[in-house]
Amino acid sequence: KTKRKKEAAERNHIEGKFGQGKNGYNLNEIRARL
């Protein structure tokens, strides 16, 4: 049971990576025009 819950929760790591890119490095504000 603990292993199953842990593996399901580990998928959120990639969501945290997206949050790091958008909040920390402005991945949601790409200012290049080409």
Full PDB file with SEQRES, HELIX, SHEET, SSBOND, CRYST1, ORIGX, SCALE, CONECT and MASTER records, all heavy atoms in Angstrom:
SEQRES   1 A   34  LYS THR LYS ARG LYS LYS GLU ALA ALA GLU ARG ASN HIS          
SEQRES   2 A   34  ILE GLU GLY LYS PHE GLY GLN GLY LYS ASN GLY TYR ASN          
SEQRES   3 A   34  LEU ASN GLU ILE ARG ALA ARG LEU                              
HELIX    1 AA1 THR A    2  GLU A   10  1                                   9    
HELIX    2 AA2 ASN A   12  GLY A   19  1                                   8    
HELIX    3 AA3 GLN A   20  GLY A   24  3                                   5    
CRYST1    1.000    1.000    1.000  90.00  90.00  90.00 P 1           1          
ORIGX1      1.000000  0.000000  0.000000        0.00000                         
ORIGX2      0.000000  1.000000  0.000000        0.00000                         
ORIGX3      0.000000  0.000000  1.000000        0.00000                         
SCALE1      1.000000  0.000000  0.000000        0.00000                         
SCALE2      0.000000  1.000000  0.000000        0.00000                         
SCALE3      0.000000  0.000000  1.000000        0.00000                         
ATOM      1  N   LYS A   1       0.828  -1.206   0.000  1.00  0.00           N  
ATOM      2  CA  LYS A   1       0.000   0.000   0.000  1.00  0.00           C  
ATOM      3  C   LYS A   1       0.863   1.258   0.000  1.00  0.00           C  
ATOM      4  O   LYS A   1       0.590   2.216  -0.730  1.00  0.00           O  
ATOM      5  CB  LYS A   1      -0.912  -0.032   1.219  1.00  0.00           C  
ATOM      6  CG  LYS A   1      -1.922   1.098   1.267  1.00  0.00           C  
ATOM      7  CD  LYS A   1      -2.842   0.948   2.462  1.00  0.00           C  
ATOM      8  CE  LYS A   1      -3.865   2.068   2.494  1.00  0.00           C  
ATOM      9  NZ  LYS A   1      -4.780   1.940   3.672  1.00  0.00           N  
ATOM     10  N   THR A   2       1.907   1.251   0.831  1.00  0.00           N  
ATOM     11  CA  THR A   2       2.800   2.410   0.888  1.00  0.00           C  
ATOM     12  C   THR A   2       3.528   2.607  -0.438  1.00  0.00           C  
ATOM     13  O   THR A   2       3.680   3.732  -0.922  1.00  0.00           O  
ATOM     14  CB  THR A   2       3.824   2.225   2.015  1.00  0.00           C  
ATOM     15  OG1 THR A   2       3.133   1.994   3.245  1.00  0.00           O  
ATOM     16  CG2 THR A   2       4.705   3.453   2.158  1.00  0.00           C  
ATOM     17  N   LYS A   3       3.969   1.513  -1.053  1.00  0.00           N  
ATOM     18  CA  LYS A   3       4.673   1.597  -2.326  1.00  0.00           C  
ATOM     19  C   LYS A   3       3.776   2.137  -3.427  1.00  0.00           C  
ATOM     20  O   LYS A   3       4.186   2.978  -4.230  1.00  0.00           O  
ATOM     21  CB  LYS A   3       5.206   0.224  -2.715  1.00  0.00           C  
ATOM     22  CG  LYS A   3       5.978   0.198  -4.017  1.00  0.00           C  
ATOM     23  CD  LYS A   3       6.461  -1.198  -4.350  1.00  0.00           C  
ATOM     24  CE  LYS A   3       7.200  -1.203  -5.679  1.00  0.00           C  
ATOM     25  NZ  LYS A   3       7.653  -2.569  -6.043  1.00  0.00           N  
ATOM     26  N   ARG A   4       2.510   1.668  -3.458  1.00  0.00           N  
ATOM     27  CA  ARG A   4       1.585   2.121  -4.493  1.00  0.00           C  
ATOM     28  C   ARG A   4       1.308   3.614  -4.369  1.00  0.00           C  
ATOM     29  O   ARG A   4       1.298   4.351  -5.365  1.00  0.00           O  
ATOM     30  CB  ARG A   4       0.284   1.323  -4.388  1.00  0.00           C  
ATOM     31  CG  ARG A   4      -0.800   1.761  -5.365  1.00  0.00           C  
ATOM     32  CD  ARG A   4      -1.995   0.848  -5.295  1.00  0.00           C  
ATOM     33  NE  ARG A   4      -2.521   0.749  -3.937  1.00  0.00           N  
ATOM     34  CZ  ARG A   4      -3.322   1.657  -3.375  1.00  0.00           C  
ATOM     35  NH1 ARG A   4      -3.667   2.757  -4.061  1.00  0.00           N  
ATOM     36  NH2 ARG A   4      -3.776   1.503  -2.146  1.00  0.00           N  
ATOM     37  N   LYS A   5       1.080   4.085  -3.153  1.00  0.00           N  
ATOM     38  CA  LYS A   5       0.815   5.511  -2.944  1.00  0.00           C  
ATOM     39  C   LYS A   5       2.042   6.360  -3.267  1.00  0.00           C  
ATOM     40  O   LYS A   5       1.925   7.450  -3.829  1.00  0.00           O  
ATOM     41  CB  LYS A   5       0.376   5.743  -1.502  1.00  0.00           C  
ATOM     42  CG  LYS A   5      -1.010   5.211  -1.180  1.00  0.00           C  
ATOM     43  CD  LYS A   5      -1.416   5.564   0.239  1.00  0.00           C  
ATOM     44  CE  LYS A   5      -2.835   5.113   0.534  1.00  0.00           C  
ATOM     45  NZ  LYS A   5      -3.265   5.460   1.910  1.00  0.00           N  
ATOM     46  N   LYS A   6       3.211   5.846  -2.921  1.00  0.00           N  
ATOM     47  CA  LYS A   6       4.440   6.589  -3.181  1.00  0.00           C  
ATOM     48  C   LYS A   6       4.681   6.728  -4.676  1.00  0.00           C  
ATOM     49  O   LYS A   6       5.043   7.796  -5.166  1.00  0.00           O  
ATOM     50  CB  LYS A   6       5.620   5.902  -2.510  1.00  0.00           C  
ATOM     51  CG  LYS A   6       6.940   6.605  -2.708  1.00  0.00           C  
ATOM     52  CD  LYS A   6       8.079   5.853  -2.046  1.00  0.00           C  
ATOM     53  CE  LYS A   6       9.414   6.545  -2.297  1.00  0.00           C  
ATOM     54  NZ  LYS A   6      10.552   5.790  -1.703  1.00  0.00           N  
ATOM     55  N   GLU A   7       4.481   5.643  -5.414  1.00  0.00           N  
ATOM     56  CA  GLU A   7       4.694   5.689  -6.861  1.00  0.00           C  
ATOM     57  C   GLU A   7       3.694   6.612  -7.542  1.00  0.00           C  
ATOM     58  O   GLU A   7       4.039   7.313  -8.506  1.00  0.00           O  
ATOM     59  CB  GLU A   7       4.589   4.285  -7.436  1.00  0.00           C  
ATOM     60  CG  GLU A   7       5.752   3.379  -7.058  1.00  0.00           C  
ATOM     61  CD  GLU A   7       5.586   1.978  -7.592  1.00  0.00           C  
ATOM     62  OE1 GLU A   7       4.470   1.627  -8.049  1.00  0.00           O  
ATOM     63  OE2 GLU A   7       6.568   1.210  -7.550  1.00  0.00           O  
ATOM     64  N   ALA A   8       2.447   6.629  -7.062  1.00  0.00           N  
ATOM     65  CA  ALA A   8       1.455   7.526  -7.647  1.00  0.00           C  
ATOM     66  C   ALA A   8       1.788   8.985  -7.355  1.00  0.00           C  
ATOM     67  O   ALA A   8       1.577   9.871  -8.197  1.00  0.00           O  
ATOM     68  CB  ALA A   8       0.072   7.180  -7.113  1.00  0.00           C  
ATOM     69  N   ALA A   9       2.336   9.245  -6.158  1.00  0.00           N  
ATOM     70  CA  ALA A   9       2.669  10.630  -5.796  1.00  0.00           C  
ATOM     71  C   ALA A   9       3.929  11.126  -6.490  1.00  0.00           C  
ATOM     72  O   ALA A   9       4.084  12.337  -6.705  1.00  0.00           O  
ATOM     73  CB  ALA A   9       2.841  10.743  -4.286  1.00  0.00           C  
ATOM     74  N   GLU A  10       4.815  10.221  -6.874  1.00  0.00           N  
ATOM     75  CA  GLU A  10       6.071  10.626  -7.513  1.00  0.00           C  
ATOM     76  C   GLU A  10       5.846  11.244  -8.888  1.00  0.00           C  
ATOM     77  O   GLU A  10       6.722  11.943  -9.399  1.00  0.00           O  
ATOM     78  CB  GLU A  10       7.009   9.426  -7.632  1.00  0.00           C  
ATOM     79  CG  GLU A  10       7.685   9.047  -6.319  1.00  0.00           C  
ATOM     80  CD  GLU A  10       8.545   7.806  -6.470  1.00  0.00           C  
ATOM     81  OE1 GLU A  10       8.433   7.127  -7.513  1.00  0.00           O  
ATOM     82  OE2 GLU A  10       9.322   7.512  -5.544  1.00  0.00           O  
ATOM     83  N   ARG A  11       4.677  10.981  -9.494  1.00  0.00           N  
ATOM     84  CA  ARG A  11       4.397  11.596 -10.788  1.00  0.00           C  
ATOM     85  C   ARG A  11       4.332  13.118 -10.675  1.00  0.00           C  
ATOM     86  O   ARG A  11       4.559  13.845 -11.659  1.00  0.00           O  
ATOM     87  CB  ARG A  11       3.075  11.065 -11.345  1.00  0.00           C  
ATOM     88  CG  ARG A  11       2.883  11.348 -12.832  1.00  0.00           C  
ATOM     89  CD  ARG A  11       1.425  11.316 -13.211  1.00  0.00           C  
ATOM     90  NE  ARG A  11       0.703  12.438 -12.665  1.00  0.00           N  
ATOM     91  CZ  ARG A  11       0.672  13.648 -13.201  1.00  0.00           C  
ATOM     92  NH1 ARG A  11       1.355  13.903 -14.297  1.00  0.00           N  
ATOM     93  NH2 ARG A  11      -0.016  14.621 -12.648  1.00  0.00           N  
ATOM     94  N   ASN A  12       4.040  13.626  -9.481  1.00  0.00           N  
ATOM     95  CA  ASN A  12       3.946  15.077  -9.293  1.00  0.00           C  
ATOM     96  C   ASN A  12       5.295  15.778  -9.408  1.00  0.00           C  
ATOM     97  O   ASN A  12       5.344  17.004  -9.461  1.00  0.00           O  
ATOM     98  CB  ASN A  12       3.325  15.389  -7.927  1.00  0.00           C  
ATOM     99  CG  ASN A  12       1.885  14.921  -7.831  1.00  0.00           C  
ATOM    100  OD1 ASN A  12       1.171  14.896  -8.831  1.00  0.00           O  
ATOM    101  ND2 ASN A  12       1.462  14.529  -6.638  1.00  0.00           N  
ATOM    102  N   HIS A  13       6.393  15.009  -9.423  1.00  0.00           N  
ATOM    103  CA  HIS A  13       7.709  15.631  -9.548  1.00  0.00           C  
ATOM    104  C   HIS A  13       7.826  16.414 -10.859  1.00  0.00           C  
ATOM    105  O   HIS A  13       8.440  17.481 -10.907  1.00  0.00           O  
ATOM    106  CB  HIS A  13       8.799  14.564  -9.485  1.00  0.00           C  
ATOM    107  CG  HIS A  13       8.914  13.914  -8.141  1.00  0.00           C  
ATOM    108  ND1 HIS A  13       9.754  12.856  -7.885  1.00  0.00           N  
ATOM    109  CD2 HIS A  13       8.281  14.182  -6.962  1.00  0.00           C  
ATOM    110  CE1 HIS A  13       9.639  12.495  -6.614  1.00  0.00           C  
ATOM    111  NE2 HIS A  13       8.752  13.287  -6.041  1.00  0.00           N  
ATOM    112  N   ILE A  14       7.224  15.882 -11.919  1.00  0.00           N  
ATOM    113  CA  ILE A  14       7.325  16.576 -13.207  1.00  0.00           C  
ATOM    114  C   ILE A  14       6.468  17.849 -13.193  1.00  0.00           C  
ATOM    115  O   ILE A  14       6.809  18.845 -13.849  1.00  0.00           O  
ATOM    116  CB  ILE A  14       6.922  15.639 -14.364  1.00  0.00           C  
ATOM    117  CG1 ILE A  14       7.343  16.256 -15.704  1.00  0.00           C  
ATOM    118  CG2 ILE A  14       5.443  15.332 -14.357  1.00  0.00           C  
ATOM    119  CD1 ILE A  14       7.257  15.305 -16.874  1.00  0.00           C  
ATOM    120  N   GLU A  15       5.375  17.835 -12.428  1.00  0.00           N  
ATOM    121  CA  GLU A  15       4.588  19.061 -12.274  1.00  0.00           C  
ATOM    122  C   GLU A  15       5.410  20.117 -11.545  1.00  0.00           C  
ATOM    123  O   GLU A  15       5.354  21.310 -11.866  1.00  0.00           O  
ATOM    124  CB  GLU A  15       3.308  18.767 -11.503  1.00  0.00           C  
ATOM    125  CG  GLU A  15       2.366  17.776 -12.168  1.00  0.00           C  
ATOM    126  CD  GLU A  15       1.643  18.357 -13.368  1.00  0.00           C  
ATOM    127  OE1 GLU A  15       1.824  19.562 -13.656  1.00  0.00           O  
ATOM    128  OE2 GLU A  15       0.896  17.605 -14.027  1.00  0.00           O  
ATOM    129  N   GLY A  16       6.184  19.672 -10.551  1.00  0.00           N  
ATOM    130  CA  GLY A  16       7.064  20.613  -9.871  1.00  0.00           C  
ATOM    131  C   GLY A  16       8.135  21.176 -10.777  1.00  0.00           C  
ATOM    132  O   GLY A  16       8.523  22.348 -10.657  1.00  0.00           O  
ATOM    133  N   LYS A  17       8.605  20.360 -11.727  1.00  0.00           N  
ATOM    134  CA  LYS A  17       9.598  20.850 -12.693  1.00  0.00           C  
ATOM    135  C   LYS A  17       8.994  21.925 -13.589  1.00  0.00           C  
ATOM    136  O   LYS A  17       9.651  22.919 -13.915  1.00  0.00           O  
ATOM    137  CB  LYS A  17      10.125  19.680 -13.517  1.00  0.00           C  
ATOM    138  CG  LYS A  17      11.245  20.022 -14.468  1.00  0.00           C  
ATOM    139  CD  LYS A  17      12.486  20.483 -13.734  1.00  0.00           C  
ATOM    140  CE  LYS A  17      13.138  19.359 -12.961  1.00  0.00           C  
ATOM    141  NZ  LYS A  17      14.446  19.777 -12.391  1.00  0.00           N  
ATOM    142  N   PHE A  18       7.737  21.727 -13.998  1.00  0.00           N  
ATOM    143  CA  PHE A  18       7.060  22.751 -14.793  1.00  0.00           C  
ATOM    144  C   PHE A  18       6.888  24.035 -13.983  1.00  0.00           C  
ATOM    145  O   PHE A  18       7.068  25.142 -14.506  1.00  0.00           O  
ATOM    146  CB  PHE A  18       5.691  22.252 -15.258  1.00  0.00           C  
ATOM    147  CG  PHE A  18       5.755  21.107 -16.232  1.00  0.00           C  
ATOM    148  CD1 PHE A  18       4.693  20.226 -16.371  1.00  0.00           C  
ATOM    149  CD2 PHE A  18       6.878  20.892 -16.996  1.00  0.00           C  
ATOM    150  CE1 PHE A  18       4.743  19.185 -17.268  1.00  0.00           C  
ATOM    151  CE2 PHE A  18       6.950  19.839 -17.902  1.00  0.00           C  
ATOM    152  CZ  PHE A  18       5.873  18.988 -18.026  1.00  0.00           C  
ATOM    153  N   GLY A  19       6.529  23.883 -12.713  1.00  0.00           N  
ATOM    154  CA  GLY A  19       6.394  25.059 -11.863  1.00  0.00           C  
ATOM    155  C   GLY A  19       7.712  25.781 -11.679  1.00  0.00           C  
ATOM    156  O   GLY A  19       7.761  27.012 -11.648  1.00  0.00           O  
ATOM    157  N   GLN A  20       8.798  25.007 -11.570  1.00  0.00           N  
ATOM    158  CA  GLN A  20      10.117  25.629 -11.459  1.00  0.00           C  
ATOM    159  C   GLN A  20      10.444  26.433 -12.708  1.00  0.00           C  
ATOM    160  O   GLN A  20      10.961  27.555 -12.634  1.00  0.00           O  
ATOM    161  CB  GLN A  20      11.177  24.546 -11.249  1.00  0.00           C  
ATOM    162  CG  GLN A  20      12.602  25.096 -11.159  1.00  0.00           C  
ATOM    163  CD  GLN A  20      13.638  23.988 -11.157  1.00  0.00           C  
ATOM    164  OE1 GLN A  20      13.312  22.800 -11.247  1.00  0.00           O  
ATOM    165  NE2 GLN A  20      14.908  24.362 -11.051  1.00  0.00           N  
ATOM    166  N   GLY A  21      10.130  25.875 -13.871  1.00  0.00           N  
ATOM    167  CA  GLY A  21      10.427  26.586 -15.109  1.00  0.00           C  
ATOM    168  C   GLY A  21       9.597  27.844 -15.278  1.00  0.00           C  
ATOM    169  O   GLY A  21      10.101  28.879 -15.722  1.00  0.00           O  
ATOM    170  N   LYS A  22       8.323  27.786 -14.893  1.00  0.00           N  
ATOM    171  CA  LYS A  22       7.448  28.933 -15.123  1.00  0.00           C  
ATOM    172  C   LYS A  22       7.601  30.013 -14.059  1.00  0.00           C  
ATOM    173  O   LYS A  22       7.544  31.210 -14.365  1.00  0.00           O  
ATOM    174  CB  LYS A  22       5.988  28.454 -15.192  1.00  0.00           C  
ATOM    175  CG  LYS A  22       5.719  27.575 -16.410  1.00  0.00           C  
ATOM    176  CD  LYS A  22       4.259  27.223 -16.557  1.00  0.00           C  
ATOM    177  CE  LYS A  22       4.037  26.419 -17.829  1.00  0.00           C  
ATOM    178  NZ  LYS A  22       2.618  26.103 -18.076  1.00  0.00           N  
ATOM    179  N   ASN A  23       7.791  29.602 -12.824  1.00  0.00           N  
ATOM    180  CA  ASN A  23       7.935  30.589 -11.754  1.00  0.00           C  
ATOM    181  C   ASN A  23       9.369  31.078 -11.598  1.00  0.00           C  
ATOM    182  O   ASN A  23       9.600  32.242 -11.262  1.00  0.00           O  
ATOM    183  CB  ASN A  23       7.460  29.990 -10.424  1.00  0.00           C  
ATOM    184  CG  ASN A  23       5.990  29.650 -10.432  1.00  0.00           C  
ATOM    185  OD1 ASN A  23       5.196  30.354 -11.036  1.00  0.00           O  
ATOM    186  ND2 ASN A  23       5.620  28.552  -9.789  1.00  0.00           N  
ATOM    187  N   GLY A  24      10.336  30.189 -11.810  1.00  0.00           N  
ATOM    188  CA  GLY A  24      11.723  30.562 -11.580  1.00  0.00           C  
ATOM    189  C   GLY A  24      12.462  31.060 -12.800  1.00  0.00           C  
ATOM    190  O   GLY A  24      13.420  31.836 -12.682  1.00  0.00           O  
ATOM    191  N   TYR A  25      12.036  30.629 -14.013  1.00  0.00           N  
ATOM    192  CA  TYR A  25      12.792  30.983 -15.214  1.00  0.00           C  
ATOM    193  C   TYR A  25      11.907  31.527 -16.332  1.00  0.00           C  
ATOM    194  O   TYR A  25      12.320  31.571 -17.480  1.00  0.00           O  
ATOM    195  CB  TYR A  25      13.557  29.750 -15.716  1.00  0.00           C  
ATOM    196  CG  TYR A  25      14.524  29.204 -14.695  1.00  0.00           C  
ATOM    197  CD1 TYR A  25      14.171  28.140 -13.878  1.00  0.00           C  
ATOM    198  CD2 TYR A  25      15.780  29.768 -14.512  1.00  0.00           C  
ATOM    199  CE1 TYR A  25      15.050  27.641 -12.916  1.00  0.00           C  
ATOM    200  CE2 TYR A  25      16.663  29.278 -13.572  1.00  0.00           C  
ATOM    201  CZ  TYR A  25      16.283  28.225 -12.777  1.00  0.00           C  
ATOM    202  OH  TYR A  25      17.150  27.740 -11.827  1.00  0.00           O  
ATOM    203  N   ASN A  26      10.672  31.927 -15.993  1.00  0.00           N  
ATOM    204  CA  ASN A  26       9.758  32.575 -16.955  1.00  0.00           C  
ATOM    205  C   ASN A  26       9.501  31.708 -18.186  1.00  0.00           C  
ATOM    206  O   ASN A  26       9.515  32.204 -19.324  1.00  0.00           O  
ATOM    207  CB  ASN A  26      10.304  33.942 -17.378  1.00  0.00           C  
ATOM    208  CG  ASN A  26      10.219  34.968 -16.270  1.00  0.00           C  
ATOM    209  OD1 ASN A  26       9.491  34.779 -15.299  1.00  0.00           O  
ATOM    210  ND2 ASN A  26      10.970  36.049 -16.388  1.00  0.00           N  
ATOM    211  N   LEU A  27       9.258  30.418 -17.964  1.00  0.00           N  
ATOM    212  CA  LEU A  27       8.893  29.546 -19.075  1.00  0.00           C  
ATOM    213  C   LEU A  27       7.529  29.905 -19.649  1.00  0.00           C  
ATOM    214  O   LEU A  27       7.222  29.546 -20.784  1.00  0.00           O  
ATOM    215  CB  LEU A  27       8.905  28.085 -18.597  1.00  0.00           C  
ATOM    216  CG  LEU A  27       8.644  26.997 -19.640  1.00  0.00           C  
ATOM    217  CD1 LEU A  27       9.726  27.014 -20.719  1.00  0.00           C  
ATOM    218  CD2 LEU A  27       8.560  25.629 -18.997  1.00  0.00           C  
ATOM    219  N   ASN A  28       6.720  30.619 -18.883  1.00  0.00           N  
ATOM    220  CA  ASN A  28       5.401  31.051 -19.356  1.00  0.00           C  
ATOM    221  C   ASN A  28       5.424  32.454 -19.948  1.00  0.00           C  
ATOM    222  O   ASN A  28       4.368  33.024 -20.207  1.00  0.00           O  
ATOM    223  CB  ASN A  28       4.386  30.988 -18.210  1.00  0.00           C  
ATOM    224  CG  ASN A  28       4.817  31.819 -17.018  1.00  0.00           C  
ATOM    225  OD1 ASN A  28       5.989  32.180 -16.898  1.00  0.00           O  
ATOM    226  ND2 ASN A  28       3.884  32.127 -16.135  1.00  0.00           N  
ATOM    227  N   GLU A  29       6.616  33.008 -20.184  1.00  0.00           N  
ATOM    228  CA  GLU A  29       6.740  34.331 -20.813  1.00  0.00           C  
ATOM    229  C   GLU A  29       7.913  34.301 -21.795  1.00  0.00           C  
ATOM    230  O   GLU A  29       8.940  34.926 -21.575  1.00  0.00           O  
ATOM    231  CB  GLU A  29       6.949  35.428 -19.770  1.00  0.00           C  
ATOM    232  CG  GLU A  29       5.753  35.682 -18.877  1.00  0.00           C  
ATOM    233  CD  GLU A  29       5.989  36.824 -17.912  1.00  0.00           C  
ATOM    234  OE1 GLU A  29       7.057  37.464 -18.000  1.00  0.00           O  
ATOM    235  OE2 GLU A  29       5.116  37.083 -17.059  1.00  0.00           O  
ATOM    236  N   ILE A  30       7.751  33.562 -22.880  1.00  0.00           N  
ATOM    237  CA  ILE A  30       8.801  33.472 -23.882  1.00  0.00           C  
ATOM    238  C   ILE A  30       8.743  34.729 -24.746  1.00  0.00           C  
ATOM    239  O   ILE A  30       7.772  34.958 -25.470  1.00  0.00           O  
ATOM    240  CB  ILE A  30       8.632  32.204 -24.744  1.00  0.00           C  
ATOM    241  CG1 ILE A  30       8.538  30.962 -23.843  1.00  0.00           C  
ATOM    242  CG2 ILE A  30       9.779  32.079 -25.735  1.00  0.00           C  
ATOM    243  CD1 ILE A  30       9.726  30.746 -22.959  1.00  0.00           C  
ATOM    244  N   ARG A  31       9.790  35.544 -24.661  1.00  0.00           N  
ATOM    245  CA  ARG A  31       9.768  36.854 -25.297  1.00  0.00           C  
ATOM    246  C   ARG A  31      10.413  36.870 -26.682  1.00  0.00           C  
ATOM    247  O   ARG A  31      10.438  37.921 -27.327  1.00  0.00           O  
ATOM    248  CB  ARG A  31      10.475  37.879 -24.397  1.00  0.00           C  
ATOM    249  CG  ARG A  31       9.735  38.118 -23.084  1.00  0.00           C  
ATOM    250  CD  ARG A  31      10.501  39.033 -22.156  1.00  0.00           C  
ATOM    251  NE  ARG A  31       9.757  39.272 -20.919  1.00  0.00           N  
ATOM    252  CZ  ARG A  31       8.970  40.302 -20.704  1.00  0.00           C  
ATOM    253  NH1 ARG A  31       8.814  41.217 -21.646  1.00  0.00           N  
ATOM    254  NH2 ARG A  31       8.327  40.448 -19.567  1.00  0.00           N  
ATOM    255  N   ALA A  32      10.965  35.758 -27.131  1.00  0.00           N  
ATOM    256  CA  ALA A  32      11.503  35.711 -28.491  1.00  0.00           C  
ATOM    257  C   ALA A  32      10.345  35.748 -29.489  1.00  0.00           C  
ATOM    258  O   ALA A  32       9.271  35.185 -29.235  1.00  0.00           O  
ATOM    259  CB  ALA A  32      12.338  34.454 -28.688  1.00  0.00           C  
ATOM    260  N   ARG A  33      10.556  36.386 -30.620  1.00  0.00           N  
ATOM    261  CA  ARG A  33       9.459  36.597 -31.564  1.00  0.00           C  
ATOM    262  C   ARG A  33       9.483  35.611 -32.721  1.00  0.00           C  
ATOM    263  O   ARG A  33       8.432  35.306 -33.295  1.00  0.00           O  
ATOM    264  CB  ARG A  33       9.485  38.025 -32.104  1.00  0.00           C  
ATOM    265  CG  ARG A  33       9.314  39.077 -31.026  1.00  0.00           C  
ATOM    266  CD  ARG A  33       9.244  40.475 -31.605  1.00  0.00           C  
ATOM    267  NE  ARG A  33       8.062  40.680 -32.405  1.00  0.00           N  
ATOM    268  CZ  ARG A  33       7.708  41.842 -32.925  1.00  0.00           C  
ATOM    269  NH1 ARG A  33       8.448  42.911 -32.691  1.00  0.00           N  
ATOM    270  NH2 ARG A  33       6.631  41.959 -33.650  1.00  0.00           N  
ATOM    271  N   LEU A  34      10.655  35.103 -33.071  1.00  0.00           N  
ATOM    272  CA  LEU A  34      10.745  34.160 -34.183  1.00  0.00           C  
ATOM    273  C   LEU A  34      10.516  32.744 -33.691  1.00  0.00           C  
ATOM    274  O   LEU A  34      10.698  32.425 -32.510  1.00  0.00           O  
ATOM    275  CB  LEU A  34      12.115  34.261 -34.860  1.00  0.00           C  
ATOM    276  CG  LEU A  34      12.493  35.633 -35.419  1.00  0.00           C  
ATOM    277  CD1 LEU A  34      13.887  35.584 -36.018  1.00  0.00           C  
ATOM    278  CD2 LEU A  34      11.487  36.096 -36.466  1.00  0.00           C  
TER     279      LEU A  34                                                      
MASTER        0    0    0    3    0    0    0    6  278    1    0    3          
END                                                                             
